[in-house]
Amino acid sequence: MEKHVLISVSPYVHKYYLNEQYKDLPESIVETLRAKLGVIAEKTNCIISIGFYDNGELFIEEMQQDPMFYDDIGASLEIKKLQQEEAETFKSIKMWYMIYHTPNGMIMRDVLLLQSEKKISSEIIEAVVQKHGEEYRQFVQVLLED
């Protein structure tokens, strides 16, 4: 499965990289991620990256340049702590990615819009099928199962 890096922070050059493809991510989220990843990178002496797999799942990974000063246990603990503290942020980022950067994003946007209009599941399914075609019926049904 292919990885797509969203943001990386390096303690070595004291800079961060934001993938140009995802520049539409709200600035407040970018700043939160930059700050939190910067702290982890400094504490553990490694480059920290957050990104997406093709299926929309988030990944967080660390990469060391100097194994002598890399704190692998500390990095794992800090990443787990970040995942707990920012669970809602990560959930929002995943939803943003799924909606704006996956092929079925338009369908998901339509479903969310119809849900915000208080439409029931059967109305949502029929509206999406009418707009996008019968081949999306099962996809929408799976989306609405939760």
C-alpha atoms as a PDB file:
ATOM      1  CA  MET A   1       0.000   0.000   0.000  1.00  0.00           C
ATOM      2  CA  GLU A   2       1.381   3.367  -1.003  1.00  0.00           C
ATOM      3  CA  LYS A   3       2.113   6.051   1.588  1.00  0.00           C
ATOM      4  CA  HIS A   4       1.434   9.755   1.128  1.00  0.00           C
ATOM      5  CA  VAL A   5       3.247  11.999   3.617  1.00  0.00           C
ATOM      6  CA  LEU A   6       1.165  14.891   4.931  1.00  0.00           C
ATOM      7  CA  ILE A   7       3.713  16.569   7.200  1.00  0.00           C
ATOM      8  CA  SER A   8       7.225  15.837   8.478  1.00  0.00           C
ATOM      9  CA  VAL A   9       9.196  17.629  11.165  1.00  0.00           C
ATOM     10  CA  SER A  10      12.969  17.446  11.525  1.00  0.00           C
ATOM     11  CA  PRO A  11      14.946  18.369  14.633  1.00  0.00           C
ATOM     12  CA  TYR A  12      18.139  18.434  12.571  1.00  0.00           C
ATOM     13  CA  VAL A  13      17.273  21.444  10.395  1.00  0.00           C
ATOM     14  CA  HIS A  14      14.498  22.816  12.628  1.00  0.00           C
ATOM     15  CA  LYS A  15      12.049  22.879   9.730  1.00  0.00           C
ATOM     16  CA  TYR A  16       8.904  21.118   8.679  1.00  0.00           C
ATOM     17  CA  TYR A  17       7.621  19.892   5.340  1.00  0.00           C
ATOM     18  CA  LEU A  18       3.960  20.099   4.361  1.00  0.00           C
ATOM     19  CA  ASN A  19       3.058  18.155   1.241  1.00  0.00           C
ATOM     20  CA  GLU A  20       1.880  20.684  -1.361  1.00  0.00           C
ATOM     21  CA  GLN A  21      -0.903  18.275  -2.345  1.00  0.00           C
ATOM     22  CA  TYR A  22      -2.526  18.819   1.068  1.00  0.00           C
ATOM     23  CA  LYS A  23      -2.191  22.592   1.371  1.00  0.00           C
ATOM     24  CA  ASP A  24      -5.984  22.806   1.743  1.00  0.00           C
ATOM     25  CA  LEU A  25      -5.769  21.309   5.248  1.00  0.00           C
ATOM     26  CA  PRO A  26      -6.929  24.010   7.681  1.00  0.00           C
ATOM     27  CA  GLU A  27      -4.021  26.113   8.952  1.00  0.00           C
ATOM     28  CA  SER A  28      -4.957  25.578  12.602  1.00  0.00           C
ATOM     29  CA  ILE A  29      -4.553  21.814  12.176  1.00  0.00           C
ATOM     30  CA  VAL A  30      -1.239  22.254  10.347  1.00  0.00           C
ATOM     31  CA  GLU A  31       0.062  24.425  13.192  1.00  0.00           C
ATOM     32  CA  THR A  32      -1.121  21.957  15.840  1.00  0.00           C
ATOM     33  CA  LEU A  33       0.594  19.080  14.045  1.00  0.00           C
ATOM     34  CA  ARG A  34       3.752  21.098  13.420  1.00  0.00           C
ATOM     35  CA  ALA A  35       4.036  22.090  17.069  1.00  0.00           C
ATOM     36  CA  LYS A  36       3.276  18.652  18.518  1.00  0.00           C
ATOM     37  CA  LEU A  37       5.534  16.831  16.052  1.00  0.00           C
ATOM     38  CA  GLY A  38       8.276  19.387  16.651  1.00  0.00           C
ATOM     39  CA  VAL A  39       8.270  18.632  20.371  1.00  0.00           C
ATOM     40  CA  ILE A  40       8.431  14.878  19.752  1.00  0.00           C
ATOM     41  CA  ALA A  41      11.180  15.283  17.159  1.00  0.00           C
ATOM     42  CA  GLU A  42      13.287  17.356  19.548  1.00  0.00           C
ATOM     43  CA  LYS A  43      12.743  15.014  22.510  1.00  0.00           C
ATOM     44  CA  THR A  44      13.543  11.835  20.597  1.00  0.00           C
ATOM     45  CA  ASN A  45      16.055  13.152  18.054  1.00  0.00           C
ATOM     46  CA  CYS A  46      14.232  11.777  15.018  1.00  0.00           C
ATOM     47  CA  ILE A  47      12.204  12.944  12.035  1.00  0.00           C
ATOM     48  CA  ILE A  48       8.478  12.449  12.641  1.00  0.00           C
ATOM     49  CA  SER A  49       6.008  12.137   9.766  1.00  0.00           C
ATOM     50  CA  ILE A  50       2.250  11.795   9.526  1.00  0.00           C
ATOM     51  CA  GLY A  51       0.569  10.683   6.351  1.00  0.00           C
ATOM     52  CA  PHE A  52      -2.040   8.514   4.719  1.00  0.00           C
ATOM     53  CA  TYR A  53      -2.164   5.129   3.103  1.00  0.00           C
ATOM     54  CA  ASP A  54      -4.199   4.843  -0.092  1.00  0.00           C
ATOM     55  CA  ASN A  55      -7.179   3.554   1.897  1.00  0.00           C
ATOM     56  CA  GLY A  56      -7.252   6.708   4.052  1.00  0.00           C
ATOM     57  CA  GLU A  57      -5.721   5.231   7.203  1.00  0.00           C
ATOM     58  CA  LEU A  58      -3.287   7.509   9.012  1.00  0.00           C
ATOM     59  CA  PHE A  59       0.266   6.522   9.771  1.00  0.00           C
ATOM     60  CA  ILE A  60       2.836   8.085  12.064  1.00  0.00           C
ATOM     61  CA  GLU A  61       6.434   7.086  11.636  1.00  0.00           C
ATOM     62  CA  GLU A  62       9.797   8.116  12.956  1.00  0.00           C
ATOM     63  CA  MET A  63      13.119   8.002  11.186  1.00  0.00           C
ATOM     64  CA  GLN A  64      16.493   8.584  12.799  1.00  0.00           C
ATOM     65  CA  GLN A  65      19.548  10.069  11.158  1.00  0.00           C
ATOM     66  CA  ASP A  66      21.883   9.408  14.037  1.00  0.00           C
ATOM     67  CA  PRO A  67      21.140   6.084  15.769  1.00  0.00           C
ATOM     68  CA  MET A  68      23.504   6.961  18.599  1.00  0.00           C
ATOM     69  CA  PHE A  69      21.217   9.732  19.863  1.00  0.00           C
ATOM     70  CA  TYR A  70      17.873   8.266  18.762  1.00  0.00           C
ATOM     71  CA  ASP A  71      15.452   7.368  21.551  1.00  0.00           C
ATOM     72  CA  ASP A  72      13.297   4.619  20.024  1.00  0.00           C
ATOM     73  CA  ILE A  73      11.439   3.818  23.247  1.00  0.00           C
ATOM     74  CA  GLY A  74      10.794   7.491  23.905  1.00  0.00           C
ATOM     75  CA  ALA A  75       9.589   7.959  20.326  1.00  0.00           C
ATOM     76  CA  SER A  76       7.086   5.115  20.649  1.00  0.00           C
ATOM     77  CA  LEU A  77       5.793   6.476  23.952  1.00  0.00           C
ATOM     78  CA  GLU A  78       5.522  10.032  22.613  1.00  0.00           C
ATOM     79  CA  ILE A  79       3.664   8.856  19.501  1.00  0.00           C
ATOM     80  CA  LYS A  80       1.183   6.877  21.604  1.00  0.00           C
ATOM     81  CA  LYS A  81       0.679   9.907  23.821  1.00  0.00           C
ATOM     82  CA  LEU A  82       0.107  12.088  20.746  1.00  0.00           C
ATOM     83  CA  GLN A  83      -2.424   9.615  19.358  1.00  0.00           C
ATOM     84  CA  GLN A  84      -4.351   9.705  22.629  1.00  0.00           C
ATOM     85  CA  GLU A  85      -4.217  13.474  23.084  1.00  0.00           C
ATOM     86  CA  GLU A  86      -5.086  14.267  19.468  1.00  0.00           C
ATOM     87  CA  ALA A  87      -7.530  11.438  18.739  1.00  0.00           C
ATOM     88  CA  GLU A  88     -10.243  13.872  17.653  1.00  0.00           C
ATOM     89  CA  THR A  89      -7.816  15.825  15.481  1.00  0.00           C
ATOM     90  CA  PHE A  90      -6.674  12.615  13.788  1.00  0.00           C
ATOM     91  CA  LYS A  91     -10.278  11.565  13.257  1.00  0.00           C
ATOM     92  CA  SER A  92     -10.980  14.941  11.625  1.00  0.00           C
ATOM     93  CA  ILE A  93      -7.868  14.715   9.444  1.00  0.00           C
ATOM     94  CA  LYS A  94      -8.851  11.245   8.289  1.00  0.00           C
ATOM     95  CA  MET A  95     -12.353  12.443   7.416  1.00  0.00           C
ATOM     96  CA  TRP A  96     -10.912  15.472   5.589  1.00  0.00           C
ATOM     97  CA  TYR A  97      -8.601  13.212   3.597  1.00  0.00           C
ATOM     98  CA  MET A  98     -11.367  10.772   2.721  1.00  0.00           C
ATOM     99  CA  ILE A  99     -13.666  13.565   1.586  1.00  0.00           C
ATOM    100  CA  TYR A 100     -11.233  15.725  -0.358  1.00  0.00           C
ATOM    101  CA  HIS A 101      -8.521  13.343  -1.518  1.00  0.00           C
ATOM    102  CA  THR A 102     -10.104   9.997  -2.406  1.00  0.00           C
ATOM    103  CA  PRO A 103     -12.081   9.004  -5.485  1.00  0.00           C
ATOM    104  CA  ASN A 104     -15.277   8.510  -3.519  1.00  0.00           C
ATOM    105  CA  GLY A 105     -14.956  11.867  -1.763  1.00  0.00           C
ATOM    106  CA  MET A 106     -17.751  13.455  -3.788  1.00  0.00           C
ATOM    107  CA  ILE A 107     -20.118  10.687  -2.696  1.00  0.00           C
ATOM    108  CA  MET A 108     -19.065  11.135   0.923  1.00  0.00           C
ATOM    109  CA  ARG A 109     -19.583  14.916   0.710  1.00  0.00           C
ATOM    110  CA  ASP A 110     -23.073  14.352  -0.682  1.00  0.00           C
ATOM    111  CA  VAL A 111     -23.902  11.873   2.090  1.00  0.00           C
ATOM    112  CA  LEU A 112     -22.667  14.283   4.783  1.00  0.00           C
ATOM    113  CA  LEU A 113     -24.633  17.144   3.256  1.00  0.00           C
ATOM    114  CA  LEU A 114     -27.818  15.073   3.132  1.00  0.00           C
ATOM    115  CA  GLN A 115     -27.262  13.925   6.722  1.00  0.00           C
ATOM    116  CA  SER A 116     -26.905  17.552   7.794  1.00  0.00           C
ATOM    117  CA  GLU A 117     -30.284  18.164   6.174  1.00  0.00           C
ATOM    118  CA  LYS A 118     -31.691  15.418   8.457  1.00  0.00           C
ATOM    119  CA  LYS A 119     -32.476  13.038   5.589  1.00  0.00           C
ATOM    120  CA  ILE A 120     -33.049   9.402   6.531  1.00  0.00           C
ATOM    121  CA  SER A 121     -30.833   6.643   5.147  1.00  0.00           C
ATOM    122  CA  SER A 122     -33.205   5.509   2.394  1.00  0.00           C
ATOM    123  CA  GLU A 123     -33.571   9.101   1.139  1.00  0.00           C
ATOM    124  CA  ILE A 124     -29.804   9.564   1.156  1.00  0.00           C
ATOM    125  CA  ILE A 125     -29.219   6.346  -0.760  1.00  0.00           C
ATOM    126  CA  GLU A 126     -31.792   7.212  -3.416  1.00  0.00           C
ATOM    127  CA  ALA A 127     -30.492  10.766  -3.826  1.00  0.00           C
ATOM    128  CA  VAL A 128     -26.900   9.587  -4.295  1.00  0.00           C
ATOM    129  CA  VAL A 129     -27.911   6.813  -6.707  1.00  0.00           C
ATOM    130  CA  GLN A 130     -29.975   9.276  -8.712  1.00  0.00           C
ATOM    131  CA  LYS A 131     -27.067  11.724  -8.916  1.00  0.00           C
ATOM    132  CA  HIS A 132     -24.096   9.343  -9.330  1.00  0.00           C
ATOM    133  CA  GLY A 133     -25.512   6.038 -10.546  1.00  0.00           C
ATOM    134  CA  GLU A 134     -26.614   2.637  -9.310  1.00  0.00           C
ATOM    135  CA  GLU A 135     -23.010   1.431  -8.907  1.00  0.00           C
ATOM    136  CA  TYR A 136     -22.685   3.601  -5.775  1.00  0.00           C
ATOM    137  CA  ARG A 137     -25.697   2.124  -3.933  1.00  0.00           C
ATOM    138  CA  GLN A 138     -23.655  -0.451  -1.998  1.00  0.00           C
ATOM    139  CA  PHE A 139     -20.920   2.080  -1.177  1.00  0.00           C
ATOM    140  CA  VAL A 140     -23.467   4.468   0.350  1.00  0.00           C
ATOM    141  CA  GLN A 141     -25.167   1.648   2.236  1.00  0.00           C
ATOM    142  CA  VAL A 142     -21.815   0.723   3.811  1.00  0.00           C
ATOM    143  CA  LEU A 143     -21.163   4.381   4.700  1.00  0.00           C
ATOM    144  CA  LEU A 144     -24.501   4.609   6.477  1.00  0.00           C
ATOM    145  CA  GLU A 145     -24.182   1.366   8.455  1.00  0.00           C
ATOM    146  CA  ASP A 146     -22.597   3.019  11.505  1.00  0.00           C
END
